[in-house]
Structure formats: structure tokens, C-alpha cells
Amino acid sequence: MRAIRFHQQGPPDVLVLEDVPPLAGPGPGEVRLDVRAASVNHLDIWTRRELRGVSLPRIPGADAAGVVAELGAGVRGLAVGDRVLIDPGFTTAPSEEETLGAPSLSPHYGILGESCDGTYRDELVLDATRCLRVPEAWDFPTAAAFPLTALTAWRMCVVRGRLQPGETVLILGAAAGVGVMCIQIAKLSGCRVLAAASTEAKRALCLSLGADEVIPYAECDWVKETRRLTGGRGADVTIDYVGKSTWRWSLKATRAGGRVLTCGATTGHDPTTDLRHVFFRQLSVIGSTMGSTADLAAALRLAERGHIRPVVDRVLPVHQAADAHQLIEDRAVLGKVVLDLSEPSP
């Protein structure tokens, strides 16, 4: 079986394509999946580059889509040959949090590629309940680009953030994988969307997805621009998973009594926070991580109706995984980069 692995943490060139031992067959309730595509997420970058406690060697990757190749005993609702995408999160033991529909709060929660070997490989064996059918109109790269970003955006915007019709939502990094999902979910929630993006091409993408206004935040005082576009009030909700480089200004861009939602920190996890903006202006800072299979299924139902979709910037053969990582680190993509595992490597 082919897999992309790294034997030490470091820059993209630590990623190597090599043969690894095949997986054991599926156990009860499990399926074996022939992986056709795996998308690249910022989580993969952090794991490869610096995340502590990563056992080596490690296969990165949280997202995958492919074909069911074998069923374990007792599997119902799936058949060999079904096209599926996967929920990248899992739990290793029962918990109260999982019973309440919030498995990502469980101390036993993990994510493929971060907590164990991930999806940059030819085959996966996983619980059948984590497999969801791919919409008929989608190819495998599109399906692989959906799970982690859709799951993250859905829980952050709908479950945790509780976006309401008529609210103005400012989205930082709006042309990235999570950002493009947040734009679409916010519009479906009846919100006015202000999308902040660094280049003209990224802003054009945001408008094509339904953003009402775009803000060239690399070229202007985007806090002032946000206030101008909101009549001096600020955004009702600010979505900032960019982190250190934007956080202190995100607090200023949010109206008194508003909400700041975050699900990540791509530019650093230790920003300066002026707490006066939080307590004096009574801001709510709401964190969110991943979600449940039910959350992913809810987002997928909207996708099947054509209401939301992932954005795939490009598809690269799996042996170019290092190039894919570099493109994301260089912020040179619109949406997602996907690795193609359907063809043999040269």
C-alpha cells in the first residue's frame, strides 16, 4: 500500500511517498475503503511542522473520499462499490459528551492524521457509521474537499455561533477552505456577509459564493472599513480562525455585545488580547472544534440540494503532497488542494 509519510517534523519536503504494510481487514461494524482522493488541511500542516506528541512516522490527512471495497460483519446500509466520504473525527471510548451529540468535547476524541495515521494512503479501515454517501454530481476530489471544512464551519456557525437572520457577519480569511463554507452557511442563515480576503482573485471568489461586501484587508484599515459598512456599529459576528495576526483587531471590529467565533489559529495561537474589549464591550468569544457525524450529515444534505459546495483550487497527484503543502503555506490557493490517489505514481 502506498502512503505519504514523514519520519521527522519539518518543512514540506519531509513528506515522502513510500510503501507501507497493508491494513488488516475490516472488523465488525467496519469497512475497508479504497481511497481515491484526500484533501489537504491546515491541520496537516501543523501536524507535519510542529504539533507536539506526534508519533513517528506519521501519515497525515483528515479528509478522504473513495469506494467501499469490503464490509465487516454486521454492517448495514452500505454496499461494496458505494462512493463515500468520511467523518474525520472519532472517539476511542464512550463518553457523556458523545451521548449528548458533542463528541469533539470528549476527552477520547481524535482526528485522523493528528491523533493517528491519516488519509494520504491507498486504503482506510474505519467504522461504517463514519461513511456518508457522496452526492451523485460530485467527483472524488470535490467529495474529499468537503468533510473537515464543512463539519468545522457548520458547528461553528450553526451549533455554537447560532447565526441569526439579519445579522452582519465578518469573515477573516474568507477564501480559505473553512471561509468559503462559512460564507455559504451564513448566507443560508439569512445573514449579511462581509468577506475579508487578501487578493482580487480571492475577493472575486467570495462574491461568487454570495458575499455581500468584500474587504481588501491587506490594503486598508479593515476595522474602519467594517465599521463604515455597518454604520459605525461593527459586525454582529466576527469569524476569525486566522489567529495571531488578526485577533486583536477582530475584537475591535465586532460591535458591543457581539460574538467572535474561532475554530483555529493559522498564523499563531498566542495573540495579544486587550481584555477591556471583551469585558467593557461585553463581547462573547466562542470557540469551536470539529463536530459530530450528525453535523456533517446536516451540511451534506444542503450540499446535495446544491446550497453549499466546497471549492477545489487544484488537484495534484499524491506524490506531489509536498507541493500541495507548500501552496497552502504560501497562501497561494483559493479553497482547497486535493491529492489524487486514483492513479499509480510514476
Protein backbone atom coordinates (compact mmCIF):
# COMPACT_ATOMS: atom_id res chain seq x y z
CA MET A 1 0.00 0.00 0.00
CA ARG A 2 1.24 3.47 -0.87
CA ALA A 3 1.24 6.25 1.70
CA ILE A 4 2.68 9.70 2.19
CA ARG A 5 4.59 9.78 5.49
CA PHE A 6 7.02 11.95 7.38
CA HIS A 7 9.68 10.44 9.63
CA GLN A 8 10.57 13.75 11.27
CA GLN A 9 8.71 17.03 11.61
CA GLY A 10 9.82 19.90 9.43
CA PRO A 11 9.24 21.65 6.08
CA PRO A 12 7.12 20.16 3.28
CA ASP A 13 9.99 18.15 1.85
CA VAL A 14 9.89 15.77 4.84
CA LEU A 15 6.83 14.24 3.14
CA VAL A 16 7.77 11.10 1.21
CA LEU A 17 5.76 8.57 -0.78
CA GLU A 18 6.62 5.01 0.24
CA ASP A 19 5.25 1.50 0.53
CA VAL A 20 3.76 0.63 3.92
CA PRO A 21 2.30 -2.63 5.25
CA PRO A 22 -1.29 -3.33 4.18
CA LEU A 23 -4.07 -2.88 6.70
CA ALA A 24 -5.88 -5.77 8.34
CA GLY A 25 -9.36 -6.44 7.01
CA PRO A 26 -12.37 -4.68 8.49
CA GLY A 27 -13.64 -5.86 11.84
CA PRO A 28 -17.29 -5.97 12.94
CA GLY A 29 -19.05 -2.74 12.02
CA GLU A 30 -16.13 -1.54 9.89
CA VAL A 31 -15.48 -1.07 6.17
CA ARG A 32 -12.36 -1.06 4.04
CA LEU A 33 -12.24 1.97 1.78
CA ASP A 34 -10.23 2.32 -1.42
CA VAL A 35 -9.16 5.96 -1.14
CA ARG A 36 -9.45 7.91 -4.39
CA ALA A 37 -8.78 11.44 -3.10
CA ALA A 38 -7.58 13.13 0.10
CA SER A 39 -7.68 16.86 0.66
CA VAL A 40 -5.07 18.96 2.44
CA ASN A 41 -5.96 21.00 5.53
CA HIS A 42 -4.08 23.40 7.77
CA LEU A 43 -4.27 20.67 10.41
CA ASP A 44 -1.97 18.58 8.20
CA ILE A 45 0.50 21.48 8.07
CA TRP A 46 0.60 21.89 11.85
CA THR A 47 0.96 18.15 12.41
CA ARG A 48 3.80 17.89 9.93
CA ARG A 49 5.55 21.03 11.10
CA GLU A 50 5.36 21.32 14.88
CA LEU A 51 2.47 19.65 16.72
CA ARG A 52 3.78 18.12 19.93
CA GLY A 53 3.39 14.47 20.77
CA VAL A 54 3.08 13.19 17.19
CA SER A 55 4.28 9.61 16.94
CA LEU A 56 6.63 8.98 14.02
CA PRO A 57 6.49 8.01 11.26
CA ARG A 58 3.09 9.57 10.61
CA ILE A 59 0.69 9.52 7.66
CA PRO A 60 -1.05 12.92 7.59
CA GLY A 61 -4.52 13.72 6.31
CA ALA A 62 -8.01 14.06 7.80
CA ASP A 63 -10.24 14.08 4.71
CA ALA A 64 -10.86 11.32 2.19
CA ALA A 65 -13.34 10.04 -0.37
CA GLY A 66 -13.36 6.71 -2.07
CA VAL A 67 -15.12 3.43 -2.79
CA VAL A 68 -16.25 0.83 -0.25
CA ALA A 69 -14.16 -2.24 -1.02
CA GLU A 70 -15.06 -4.64 1.80
CA LEU A 71 -17.66 -4.86 4.56
CA GLY A 72 -17.07 -6.11 8.08
CA ALA A 73 -19.60 -8.26 9.88
CA GLY A 74 -22.86 -6.55 10.77
CA VAL A 75 -22.54 -3.54 8.50
CA ARG A 76 -25.89 -2.31 7.24
CA GLY A 77 -26.78 0.49 4.86
CA LEU A 78 -23.61 0.31 2.76
CA ALA A 79 -22.59 -1.95 -0.09
CA VAL A 80 -19.34 -2.77 -1.84
CA GLY A 81 -18.91 -0.20 -4.60
CA ASP A 82 -20.62 2.68 -2.78
CA ARG A 83 -18.91 6.05 -3.16
CA VAL A 84 -18.44 7.65 0.26
CA LEU A 85 -16.73 10.47 2.08
CA ILE A 86 -15.70 10.17 5.71
CA ASP A 87 -16.14 11.93 9.02
CA PRO A 88 -12.52 12.70 10.02
CA GLY A 89 -13.27 12.66 13.76
CA PHE A 90 -13.65 9.64 16.02
CA THR A 91 -13.85 8.64 19.67
CA THR A 92 -11.95 5.81 21.28
CA ALA A 93 -14.26 5.27 24.26
CA PRO A 94 -17.88 6.06 25.20
CA SER A 95 -18.48 9.42 26.87
CA GLU A 96 -21.26 11.64 28.12
CA GLU A 97 -20.25 14.27 25.57
CA GLU A 98 -20.75 11.86 22.69
CA THR A 99 -24.14 10.80 24.07
CA LEU A 100 -25.16 14.48 24.10
CA GLY A 101 -24.15 14.89 20.44
CA ALA A 102 -20.88 16.72 21.07
CA PRO A 103 -18.14 14.10 20.59
CA SER A 104 -15.48 16.73 19.89
CA LEU A 105 -15.75 17.78 23.57
CA SER A 106 -14.93 14.25 24.70
CA PRO A 107 -11.50 13.56 26.22
CA HIS A 108 -11.50 10.48 23.98
CA TYR A 109 -11.94 12.45 20.72
CA GLY A 110 -9.37 12.30 17.95
CA ILE A 111 -8.90 13.39 14.35
CA LEU A 112 -7.37 11.33 11.56
CA GLY A 113 -3.84 12.48 10.78
CA GLU A 114 -3.50 14.32 14.09
CA SER A 115 -4.25 11.62 16.66
CA CYS A 116 -3.25 8.66 14.48
CA ASP A 117 -2.27 7.87 10.90
CA GLY A 118 -4.44 9.69 8.40
CA THR A 119 -5.76 9.58 4.87
CA TYR A 120 -2.83 10.15 2.49
CA ARG A 121 -2.82 6.44 1.59
CA ASP A 122 -4.47 3.93 -0.71
CA GLU A 123 -6.72 2.26 1.86
CA LEU A 124 -8.53 3.05 5.10
CA VAL A 125 -10.36 0.84 7.56
CA LEU A 126 -12.90 2.68 9.70
CA ASP A 127 -16.27 2.46 11.39
CA ALA A 128 -19.04 2.26 8.82
CA THR A 129 -21.08 4.89 10.65
CA ARG A 130 -18.45 7.47 9.69
CA CYS A 131 -19.04 6.92 5.96
CA LEU A 132 -21.55 9.13 4.14
CA ARG A 133 -22.59 8.73 0.52
CA VAL A 134 -21.13 11.16 -1.99
CA PRO A 135 -23.67 13.30 -3.92
CA GLU A 136 -24.10 11.89 -7.42
CA ALA A 137 -22.93 15.08 -9.13
CA TRP A 138 -19.61 15.18 -7.26
CA ASP A 139 -16.31 13.65 -8.28
CA PHE A 140 -13.93 12.27 -5.68
CA PRO A 141 -11.77 15.43 -5.31
CA THR A 142 -14.88 17.52 -4.61
CA ALA A 143 -16.10 14.98 -2.06
CA ALA A 144 -12.71 14.81 -0.35
CA ALA A 145 -12.62 18.61 -0.03
CA PHE A 146 -15.89 18.68 1.92
CA PRO A 147 -15.76 16.91 5.31
CA LEU A 148 -13.39 18.74 7.65
CA THR A 149 -14.16 22.27 6.46
CA ALA A 150 -17.92 21.70 6.24
CA LEU A 151 -18.03 19.99 9.64
CA THR A 152 -15.97 22.76 11.25
CA ALA A 153 -17.93 25.61 9.66
CA TRP A 154 -21.31 24.04 10.41
CA ARG A 155 -20.65 23.52 14.10
CA MET A 156 -19.03 26.96 14.49
CA CYS A 157 -21.71 28.91 12.62
CA VAL A 158 -24.89 26.96 13.33
CA VAL A 159 -24.41 24.96 16.54
CA ARG A 160 -22.04 27.13 18.56
CA GLY A 161 -22.37 30.55 16.91
CA ARG A 162 -26.15 30.42 16.35
CA LEU A 163 -26.14 32.82 13.40
CA GLN A 164 -29.44 34.66 13.10
CA PRO A 165 -31.25 36.20 10.11
CA GLY A 166 -30.37 39.86 9.68
CA GLU A 167 -27.01 39.68 11.43
CA THR A 168 -23.88 41.06 9.79
CA VAL A 169 -21.06 38.52 9.77
CA LEU A 170 -17.43 39.47 9.12
CA ILE A 171 -15.29 36.53 7.93
CA LEU A 172 -11.50 36.74 8.02
CA GLY A 173 -9.56 34.51 5.62
CA ALA A 174 -12.80 34.15 3.72
CA ALA A 175 -11.32 32.49 0.61
CA ALA A 176 -9.77 29.56 2.51
CA GLY A 177 -11.43 26.17 2.90
CA VAL A 178 -13.35 26.95 6.10
CA GLY A 179 -14.02 30.52 4.98
CA VAL A 180 -15.81 29.57 1.77
CA MET A 181 -18.06 27.26 3.78
CA CYS A 182 -18.76 29.99 6.34
CA ILE A 183 -19.81 32.40 3.58
CA GLN A 184 -22.35 29.95 2.21
CA ILE A 185 -23.69 28.85 5.61
CA ALA A 186 -24.02 32.45 6.79
CA LYS A 187 -25.98 33.39 3.66
CA LEU A 188 -28.26 30.38 4.12
CA SER A 189 -28.80 31.59 7.69
CA GLY A 190 -30.09 34.92 6.35
CA CYS A 191 -27.02 36.95 7.28
CA ARG A 192 -25.26 39.81 5.54
CA VAL A 193 -21.68 38.71 4.84
CA LEU A 194 -18.58 40.89 4.83
CA ALA A 195 -15.74 38.78 3.42
CA ALA A 196 -12.17 39.85 4.09
CA ALA A 197 -9.63 38.46 1.63
CA SER A 198 -6.13 39.48 0.57
CA THR A 199 -6.21 39.40 -3.24
CA GLU A 200 -8.54 40.41 -6.02
CA ALA A 201 -8.98 36.79 -7.12
CA LYS A 202 -9.90 35.73 -3.59
CA ARG A 203 -12.39 38.57 -3.26
CA ALA A 204 -13.97 37.62 -6.59
CA LEU A 205 -14.42 34.07 -5.30
CA CYS A 206 -16.10 35.38 -2.14
CA LEU A 207 -18.55 37.44 -4.20
CA SER A 208 -19.33 34.44 -6.39
CA LEU A 209 -20.26 32.48 -3.26
CA GLY A 210 -22.71 35.13 -2.09
CA ALA A 211 -20.71 37.61 -0.01
CA ASP A 212 -22.45 40.99 0.12
CA GLU A 213 -19.28 43.05 0.54
CA VAL A 214 -15.58 42.29 0.26
CA ILE A 215 -12.82 43.94 2.26
CA PRO A 216 -9.21 44.05 0.97
CA TYR A 217 -7.80 43.69 4.46
CA ALA A 218 -4.17 43.62 3.30
CA GLU A 219 -4.62 47.04 1.69
CA CYS A 220 -6.74 49.01 4.15
CA ASP A 221 -7.66 49.60 7.77
CA TRP A 222 -10.19 46.79 7.76
CA VAL A 223 -11.57 47.64 11.20
CA LYS A 224 -12.54 51.10 9.97
CA GLU A 225 -13.91 49.61 6.76
CA THR A 226 -16.02 47.15 8.74
CA ARG A 227 -17.42 49.97 10.83
CA ARG A 228 -18.13 52.03 7.73
CA LEU A 229 -20.04 49.17 6.17
CA THR A 230 -22.04 48.67 9.37
CA GLY A 231 -22.95 52.28 10.05
CA GLY A 232 -20.31 52.63 12.75
CA ARG A 233 -21.51 49.67 14.87
CA GLY A 234 -19.17 46.89 13.88
CA ALA A 235 -20.04 43.33 12.88
CA ASP A 236 -22.59 41.39 14.91
CA VAL A 237 -20.42 38.31 14.48
CA THR A 238 -16.75 38.09 13.52
CA ILE A 239 -15.30 34.76 12.40
CA ASP A 240 -11.54 34.67 12.93
CA TYR A 241 -9.57 31.44 12.59
CA VAL A 242 -6.55 33.35 11.26
CA GLY A 243 -5.30 33.90 14.80
CA LYS A 244 -2.35 35.93 15.96
CA SER A 245 -2.08 38.33 13.03
CA THR A 246 -5.73 39.45 13.16
CA TRP A 247 -7.15 38.64 16.60
CA ARG A 248 -6.74 41.97 18.42
CA TRP A 249 -8.35 43.81 15.51
CA SER A 250 -11.17 41.29 15.23
CA LEU A 251 -12.23 42.26 18.75
CA LYS A 252 -12.29 45.92 17.71
CA ALA A 253 -14.26 45.16 14.54
CA THR A 254 -17.07 43.48 16.50
CA ARG A 255 -19.94 45.55 17.87
CA ALA A 256 -20.60 45.89 21.59
CA GLY A 257 -22.45 42.78 22.70
CA GLY A 258 -21.37 40.89 19.59
CA ARG A 259 -19.78 37.48 19.15
CA VAL A 260 -16.33 36.43 17.98
CA LEU A 261 -16.15 32.85 16.69
CA THR A 262 -12.93 30.93 16.28
CA CYS A 263 -12.01 27.40 15.23
CA GLY A 264 -8.29 27.74 14.65
CA ALA A 265 -5.20 29.92 14.52
CA THR A 266 -3.35 29.54 11.23
CA THR A 267 -0.95 32.43 11.94
CA GLY A 268 -0.30 31.56 15.58
CA HIS A 269 -2.17 30.55 18.72
CA ASP A 270 -0.85 33.17 21.17
CA PRO A 271 -2.21 36.58 20.13
CA THR A 272 -2.27 39.71 22.29
CA THR A 273 -5.76 40.21 23.74
CA ASP A 274 -6.87 43.50 25.25
CA LEU A 275 -9.41 42.19 27.75
CA ARG A 276 -11.01 45.60 28.04
CA HIS A 277 -12.62 45.00 24.66
CA VAL A 278 -14.06 41.75 25.97
CA PHE A 279 -15.50 42.83 29.33
CA PHE A 280 -16.26 46.51 28.77
CA ARG A 281 -17.92 45.93 25.41
CA GLN A 282 -19.40 42.61 26.61
CA LEU A 283 -18.14 40.50 23.73
CA SER A 284 -18.74 36.76 23.64
CA VAL A 285 -15.72 34.75 22.46
CA ILE A 286 -16.90 31.33 21.28
CA GLY A 287 -14.54 28.51 20.43
CA SER A 288 -15.45 25.56 18.25
CA THR A 289 -13.68 22.40 17.11
CA MET A 290 -14.90 19.87 14.57
CA GLY A 291 -18.35 18.38 15.30
CA SER A 292 -20.41 15.20 15.09
CA THR A 293 -21.27 12.89 12.22
CA ALA A 294 -24.82 14.28 12.52
CA ASP A 295 -23.41 17.80 11.95
CA LEU A 296 -21.58 16.58 8.84
CA ALA A 297 -24.72 14.84 7.59
CA ALA A 298 -26.74 18.05 8.04
CA ALA A 299 -24.23 20.01 5.97
CA LEU A 300 -24.13 17.25 3.35
CA ARG A 301 -27.92 17.37 2.94
CA LEU A 302 -27.62 21.04 1.99
CA ALA A 303 -24.80 20.19 -0.40
CA GLU A 304 -26.94 17.52 -2.07
CA ARG A 305 -29.56 20.22 -2.75
CA GLY A 306 -26.92 22.49 -4.27
CA HIS A 307 -26.95 25.06 -1.46
CA ILE A 308 -23.32 24.72 -0.39
CA ARG A 309 -20.24 23.32 -2.06
CA PRO A 310 -16.51 23.01 -1.44
CA VAL A 311 -14.15 24.98 -3.63
CA VAL A 312 -11.27 22.99 -5.12
CA ASP A 313 -8.38 25.14 -6.30
CA ARG A 314 -6.44 22.28 -7.86
CA VAL A 315 -5.90 18.52 -7.80
CA LEU A 316 -2.36 17.16 -7.59
CA PRO A 317 -1.11 13.58 -7.81
CA VAL A 318 -0.34 12.12 -4.41
CA HIS A 319 3.42 12.12 -5.00
CA GLN A 320 3.23 15.95 -5.08
CA ALA A 321 1.99 16.19 -1.49
CA ALA A 322 4.95 18.40 -0.54
CA ASP A 323 3.99 20.84 -3.31
CA ALA A 324 0.40 20.87 -2.01
CA HIS A 325 1.57 21.73 1.49
CA GLN A 326 3.83 24.49 0.18
CA LEU A 327 0.99 26.06 -1.80
CA ILE A 328 -1.12 26.27 1.34
CA GLU A 329 1.72 27.68 3.42
CA ASP A 330 2.26 30.30 0.71
CA ARG A 331 -1.48 31.17 0.77
CA ALA A 332 -1.47 30.59 -2.99
CA VAL A 333 -4.79 28.75 -3.25
CA LEU A 334 -8.49 29.54 -3.44
CA GLY A 335 -10.31 26.98 -1.31
CA LYS A 336 -8.76 23.51 -1.13
CA VAL A 337 -5.91 21.49 -2.64
CA VAL A 338 -6.71 17.81 -3.14
CA LEU A 339 -4.39 14.83 -3.62
CA ASP A 340 -5.39 12.27 -6.27
CA LEU A 341 -4.78 8.66 -5.23
CA SER A 342 -6.69 7.08 -8.09
CA GLU A 343 -3.70 6.76 -10.40
CA PRO A 344 -0.46 4.86 -9.88
CA SER A 345 2.56 7.01 -9.11
CA PRO A 346 5.29 7.39 -11.75
